[in-house]
Amino acid sequence: MTYNLSVLDGFAALGDPTRRAIFERVAVRPSAVGELALGLPVSRPAVSQHLRVLKQAGLVRETPQGTRRIYRLDPRGIGAMRDWLEAHWTTALDAFKDFADAQADEETAA
């Protein structure tokens, strides 16, 4: 199964702790940059840069509201990441089943 590069970009984008904190705030509720920057140890321009990375990774989207831009989760990006994880989860479970079956066969033979 092939996945769009943006799925992997999403995981990479969430690897940064500040970016992850911003993402989690956006997940709670759509917000403007100023609101997202409150309490973070980075400037508003830095928050904007982090949001740009999250947007390029397909994890957030922005909508203009007057002079501000409101950022919210992009369900398409999250859905693609979930699909990727589920595909690998199934493979991991199959591998575990094969391992457990082989262990059971060895114990029965001994």
N, C-alpha and C. Protein backbone atom coordinates (compact mmCIF):
# COMPACT_ATOMS: atom_id res chain seq x y z
N MET A 1 0.84 -1.17 0.00
CA MET A 1 0.00 0.00 0.00
C MET A 1 0.89 1.24 0.00
N THR A 2 0.64 2.17 -0.89
CA THR A 2 1.43 3.40 -0.95
C THR A 2 0.66 4.55 -0.33
N TYR A 3 1.39 5.43 0.31
CA TYR A 3 0.78 6.57 0.97
C TYR A 3 1.41 7.84 0.46
N ASN A 4 0.62 8.86 0.44
CA ASN A 4 1.09 10.18 0.08
C ASN A 4 2.17 10.61 1.07
N LEU A 5 3.17 11.30 0.55
CA LEU A 5 4.27 11.76 1.39
C LEU A 5 3.76 12.59 2.56
N SER A 6 2.65 13.29 2.39
CA SER A 6 2.14 14.15 3.46
C SER A 6 1.75 13.36 4.70
N VAL A 7 1.40 12.08 4.55
CA VAL A 7 1.09 11.27 5.73
C VAL A 7 2.33 11.16 6.61
N LEU A 8 3.44 10.86 5.99
CA LEU A 8 4.68 10.75 6.76
C LEU A 8 5.14 12.13 7.23
N ASP A 9 4.85 13.16 6.45
CA ASP A 9 5.16 14.53 6.88
C ASP A 9 4.37 14.88 8.14
N GLY A 10 3.16 14.36 8.25
CA GLY A 10 2.35 14.61 9.44
C GLY A 10 3.01 14.07 10.69
N PHE A 11 3.53 12.85 10.61
CA PHE A 11 4.22 12.28 11.77
C PHE A 11 5.48 13.07 12.08
N ALA A 12 6.21 13.47 11.04
CA ALA A 12 7.42 14.25 11.25
C ALA A 12 7.09 15.60 11.88
N ALA A 13 6.01 16.23 11.42
CA ALA A 13 5.61 17.53 11.95
C ALA A 13 5.28 17.44 13.44
N LEU A 14 4.69 16.35 13.84
CA LEU A 14 4.30 16.19 15.25
C LEU A 14 5.47 15.76 16.13
N GLY A 15 6.63 15.56 15.54
CA GLY A 15 7.81 15.18 16.31
C GLY A 15 8.37 16.32 17.14
N ASP A 16 8.07 17.54 16.77
CA ASP A 16 8.54 18.71 17.51
C ASP A 16 7.59 18.98 18.68
N PRO A 17 8.10 19.08 19.91
CA PRO A 17 7.21 19.25 21.07
C PRO A 17 6.37 20.53 21.03
N THR A 18 6.93 21.62 20.56
CA THR A 18 6.16 22.88 20.49
C THR A 18 5.06 22.74 19.46
N ARG A 19 5.40 22.16 18.32
CA ARG A 19 4.41 21.97 17.25
C ARG A 19 3.30 21.03 17.72
N ARG A 20 3.68 20.01 18.46
CA ARG A 20 2.69 19.07 19.00
C ARG A 20 1.76 19.79 19.97
N ALA A 21 2.30 20.67 20.79
CA ALA A 21 1.48 21.43 21.73
C ALA A 21 0.50 22.33 20.98
N ILE A 22 0.96 22.96 19.91
CA ILE A 22 0.08 23.81 19.10
C ILE A 22 -1.01 22.96 18.46
N PHE A 23 -0.63 21.82 17.92
CA PHE A 23 -1.59 20.90 17.31
C PHE A 23 -2.66 20.48 18.34
N GLU A 24 -2.24 20.16 19.54
CA GLU A 24 -3.18 19.75 20.59
C GLU A 24 -4.12 20.88 20.97
N ARG A 25 -3.63 22.11 20.95
CA ARG A 25 -4.50 23.25 21.25
C ARG A 25 -5.53 23.45 20.15
N VAL A 26 -5.09 23.30 18.90
CA VAL A 26 -6.02 23.43 17.78
C VAL A 26 -7.06 22.30 17.83
N ALA A 27 -6.64 21.13 18.31
CA ALA A 27 -7.57 20.00 18.41
C ALA A 27 -8.68 20.28 19.42
N VAL A 28 -8.37 21.04 20.46
CA VAL A 28 -9.37 21.38 21.47
C VAL A 28 -10.40 22.34 20.89
N ARG A 29 -9.89 23.35 20.16
CA ARG A 29 -10.82 24.30 19.52
C ARG A 29 -10.09 25.13 18.49
N PRO A 30 -10.77 25.51 17.41
CA PRO A 30 -10.17 26.38 16.41
C PRO A 30 -9.73 27.69 17.05
N SER A 31 -8.55 28.16 16.66
CA SER A 31 -7.99 29.36 17.30
C SER A 31 -7.15 30.17 16.33
N ALA A 32 -6.96 31.43 16.69
CA ALA A 32 -6.06 32.32 15.95
C ALA A 32 -4.66 32.18 16.54
N VAL A 33 -3.68 32.69 15.81
CA VAL A 33 -2.28 32.58 16.24
C VAL A 33 -2.07 33.16 17.63
N GLY A 34 -2.64 34.31 17.90
CA GLY A 34 -2.46 34.96 19.20
C GLY A 34 -2.94 34.09 20.35
N GLU A 35 -4.07 33.46 20.16
CA GLU A 35 -4.59 32.57 21.21
C GLU A 35 -3.69 31.36 21.39
N LEU A 36 -3.21 30.82 20.28
CA LEU A 36 -2.35 29.64 20.35
C LEU A 36 -1.01 29.95 21.00
N ALA A 37 -0.54 31.18 20.84
CA ALA A 37 0.77 31.57 21.37
C ALA A 37 0.75 31.78 22.89
N LEU A 38 -0.43 32.02 23.45
CA LEU A 38 -0.52 32.28 24.90
C LEU A 38 0.04 31.11 25.70
N GLY A 39 0.99 31.41 26.56
CA GLY A 39 1.56 30.40 27.43
C GLY A 39 2.63 29.53 26.81
N LEU A 40 2.91 29.74 25.54
CA LEU A 40 3.98 28.97 24.91
C LEU A 40 5.29 29.74 25.01
N PRO A 41 6.41 29.03 25.09
CA PRO A 41 7.70 29.71 25.23
C PRO A 41 8.28 30.18 23.90
N VAL A 42 7.40 30.46 22.93
CA VAL A 42 7.86 30.95 21.62
C VAL A 42 7.03 32.16 21.22
N SER A 43 7.53 32.92 20.27
CA SER A 43 6.85 34.14 19.82
C SER A 43 5.69 33.81 18.88
N ARG A 44 4.88 34.80 18.62
CA ARG A 44 3.79 34.64 17.65
C ARG A 44 4.32 34.26 16.27
N PRO A 45 5.40 34.93 15.79
CA PRO A 45 5.94 34.52 14.48
C PRO A 45 6.39 33.06 14.47
N ALA A 46 6.94 32.60 15.59
CA ALA A 46 7.36 31.19 15.66
C ALA A 46 6.14 30.27 15.60
N VAL A 47 5.06 30.66 16.28
CA VAL A 47 3.82 29.87 16.23
C VAL A 47 3.31 29.83 14.79
N SER A 48 3.38 30.95 14.10
CA SER A 48 2.96 31.00 12.69
C SER A 48 3.80 30.05 11.84
N GLN A 49 5.09 29.98 12.10
CA GLN A 49 5.96 29.06 11.35
C GLN A 49 5.58 27.61 11.64
N HIS A 50 5.31 27.31 12.90
CA HIS A 50 4.89 25.96 13.25
C HIS A 50 3.56 25.62 12.58
N LEU A 51 2.64 26.56 12.55
CA LEU A 51 1.36 26.34 11.89
C LEU A 51 1.54 26.11 10.39
N ARG A 52 2.49 26.80 9.80
CA ARG A 52 2.76 26.60 8.37
C ARG A 52 3.20 25.17 8.12
N VAL A 53 4.07 24.64 8.99
CA VAL A 53 4.53 23.25 8.84
C VAL A 53 3.35 22.29 9.01
N LEU A 54 2.52 22.52 10.02
CA LEU A 54 1.35 21.67 10.24
C LEU A 54 0.38 21.73 9.05
N LYS A 55 0.26 22.92 8.47
CA LYS A 55 -0.61 23.07 7.30
C LYS A 55 -0.04 22.34 6.10
N GLN A 56 1.26 22.47 5.87
CA GLN A 56 1.89 21.77 4.75
C GLN A 56 1.81 20.26 4.91
N ALA A 57 1.80 19.79 6.14
CA ALA A 57 1.69 18.36 6.42
C ALA A 57 0.24 17.88 6.33
N GLY A 58 -0.70 18.80 6.14
CA GLY A 58 -2.10 18.42 5.99
C GLY A 58 -2.82 18.20 7.30
N LEU A 59 -2.26 18.70 8.40
CA LEU A 59 -2.87 18.46 9.71
C LEU A 59 -3.79 19.58 10.17
N VAL A 60 -3.57 20.79 9.69
CA VAL A 60 -4.44 21.91 10.03
C VAL A 60 -4.79 22.66 8.75
N ARG A 61 -5.86 23.41 8.84
CA ARG A 61 -6.23 24.31 7.74
C ARG A 61 -6.60 25.65 8.35
N GLU A 62 -6.58 26.65 7.53
CA GLU A 62 -6.89 27.99 8.03
C GLU A 62 -8.07 28.57 7.26
N THR A 63 -8.83 29.38 7.96
CA THR A 63 -9.92 30.10 7.32
C THR A 63 -9.83 31.56 7.77
N PRO A 64 -9.94 32.47 6.80
CA PRO A 64 -9.88 33.88 7.17
C PRO A 64 -11.16 34.29 7.91
N GLN A 65 -10.96 35.11 8.93
CA GLN A 65 -12.09 35.65 9.69
C GLN A 65 -11.73 37.10 10.01
N GLY A 66 -12.19 37.99 9.16
CA GLY A 66 -11.79 39.39 9.29
C GLY A 66 -10.31 39.53 8.99
N THR A 67 -9.57 40.12 9.91
CA THR A 67 -8.13 40.29 9.71
C THR A 67 -7.33 39.12 10.28
N ARG A 68 -8.01 38.18 10.90
CA ARG A 68 -7.32 37.03 11.51
C ARG A 68 -7.52 35.78 10.67
N ARG A 69 -6.68 34.81 10.92
CA ARG A 69 -6.84 33.49 10.33
C ARG A 69 -7.09 32.52 11.48
N ILE A 70 -8.11 31.72 11.32
CA ILE A 70 -8.47 30.74 12.35
C ILE A 70 -7.97 29.37 11.89
N TYR A 71 -7.24 28.71 12.77
CA TYR A 71 -6.68 27.40 12.45
C TYR A 71 -7.50 26.32 13.13
N ARG A 72 -7.76 25.26 12.37
CA ARG A 72 -8.51 24.12 12.88
C ARG A 72 -7.92 22.84 12.30
N LEU A 73 -8.24 21.72 12.92
CA LEU A 73 -7.74 20.44 12.42
C LEU A 73 -8.28 20.18 11.02
N ASP A 74 -7.47 19.53 10.21
CA ASP A 74 -7.92 19.09 8.90
C ASP A 74 -8.18 17.59 9.01
N PRO A 75 -9.43 17.18 9.00
CA PRO A 75 -9.75 15.77 9.20
C PRO A 75 -9.18 14.86 8.13
N ARG A 76 -8.91 15.39 6.94
CA ARG A 76 -8.34 14.55 5.88
C ARG A 76 -6.93 14.10 6.23
N GLY A 77 -6.14 15.00 6.77
CA GLY A 77 -4.77 14.65 7.15
C GLY A 77 -4.74 13.67 8.30
N ILE A 78 -5.59 13.89 9.29
CA ILE A 78 -5.67 12.98 10.43
C ILE A 78 -6.17 11.62 9.97
N GLY A 79 -7.14 11.60 9.09
CA GLY A 79 -7.68 10.34 8.58
C GLY A 79 -6.63 9.54 7.82
N ALA A 80 -5.82 10.23 7.02
CA ALA A 80 -4.76 9.54 6.27
C ALA A 80 -3.73 8.94 7.23
N MET A 81 -3.40 9.67 8.29
CA MET A 81 -2.46 9.13 9.28
C MET A 81 -3.06 7.91 9.98
N ARG A 82 -4.33 7.99 10.29
CA ARG A 82 -4.99 6.86 10.95
C ARG A 82 -5.01 5.64 10.04
N ASP A 83 -5.31 5.84 8.76
CA ASP A 83 -5.30 4.73 7.79
C ASP A 83 -3.92 4.09 7.73
N TRP A 84 -2.88 4.92 7.72
CA TRP A 84 -1.50 4.42 7.66
C TRP A 84 -1.20 3.58 8.90
N LEU A 85 -1.59 4.09 10.06
CA LEU A 85 -1.36 3.35 11.30
C LEU A 85 -2.14 2.04 11.33
N GLU A 86 -3.38 2.08 10.89
CA GLU A 86 -4.19 0.87 10.89
C GLU A 86 -3.61 -0.19 9.96
N ALA A 87 -3.08 0.22 8.82
CA ALA A 87 -2.47 -0.74 7.89
C ALA A 87 -1.26 -1.41 8.55
N HIS A 88 -0.46 -0.64 9.23
CA HIS A 88 0.71 -1.20 9.91
C HIS A 88 0.32 -1.98 11.15
N TRP A 89 -0.75 -1.58 11.81
CA TRP A 89 -1.22 -2.29 12.99
C TRP A 89 -1.64 -3.70 12.60
N THR A 90 -2.36 -3.83 11.50
CA THR A 90 -2.79 -5.14 11.03
C THR A 90 -1.58 -6.02 10.72
N THR A 91 -0.59 -5.47 10.07
CA THR A 91 0.62 -6.21 9.76
C THR A 91 1.33 -6.66 11.04
N ALA A 92 1.40 -5.76 12.00
CA ALA A 92 2.04 -6.09 13.28
C ALA A 92 1.28 -7.20 14.02
N LEU A 93 -0.03 -7.13 14.01
CA LEU A 93 -0.82 -8.17 14.66
C LEU A 93 -0.66 -9.52 13.98
N ASP A 94 -0.60 -9.51 12.64
CA ASP A 94 -0.38 -10.76 11.90
C ASP A 94 0.98 -11.35 12.24
N ALA A 95 1.99 -10.50 12.33
CA ALA A 95 3.33 -10.98 12.67
C ALA A 95 3.36 -11.53 14.09
N PHE A 96 2.65 -10.89 15.01
CA PHE A 96 2.60 -11.38 16.38
C PHE A 96 1.89 -12.74 16.43
N LYS A 97 0.81 -12.89 15.67
CA LYS A 97 0.10 -14.17 15.64
C LYS A 97 1.01 -15.27 15.13
N ASP A 98 1.75 -14.99 14.05
CA ASP A 98 2.68 -15.98 13.51
C ASP A 98 3.73 -16.36 14.55
N PHE A 99 4.24 -15.38 15.26
CA PHE A 99 5.24 -15.63 16.30
C PHE A 99 4.65 -16.49 17.42
N ALA A 100 3.46 -16.12 17.88
CA ALA A 100 2.82 -16.87 18.97
C ALA A 100 2.53 -18.30 18.54
N ASP A 101 2.07 -18.48 17.30
CA ASP A 101 1.81 -19.83 16.79
C ASP A 101 3.09 -20.65 16.73
N ALA A 102 4.18 -20.04 16.29
CA ALA A 102 5.46 -20.74 16.21
C ALA A 102 5.94 -21.13 17.61
N GLN A 103 5.76 -20.24 18.58
CA GLN A 103 6.15 -20.54 19.96
C GLN A 103 5.33 -21.70 20.51
N ALA A 104 4.04 -21.71 20.22
CA ALA A 104 3.16 -22.77 20.70
C ALA A 104 3.55 -24.11 20.06
N ASP A 105 3.92 -24.08 18.77
CA ASP A 105 4.35 -25.29 18.08
C ASP A 105 5.64 -25.84 18.70
N GLU A 106 6.56 -24.94 19.03
CA GLU A 106 7.83 -25.36 19.65
C GLU A 106 7.58 -25.99 21.02
N GLU A 107 6.68 -25.39 21.80
CA GLU A 107 6.39 -25.93 23.14
C GLU A 107 5.70 -27.29 23.04
N THR A 108 4.84 -27.46 22.06
CA THR A 108 4.15 -28.72 21.86
C THR A 108 5.14 -29.81 21.43
N ALA A 109 6.10 -29.44 20.58
CA ALA A 109 7.10 -30.40 20.09
C ALA A 109 8.08 -30.81 21.19
N ALA A 110 8.30 -29.93 22.18
CA ALA A 110 9.28 -30.23 23.24
C ALA A 110 8.79 -31.13 24.30
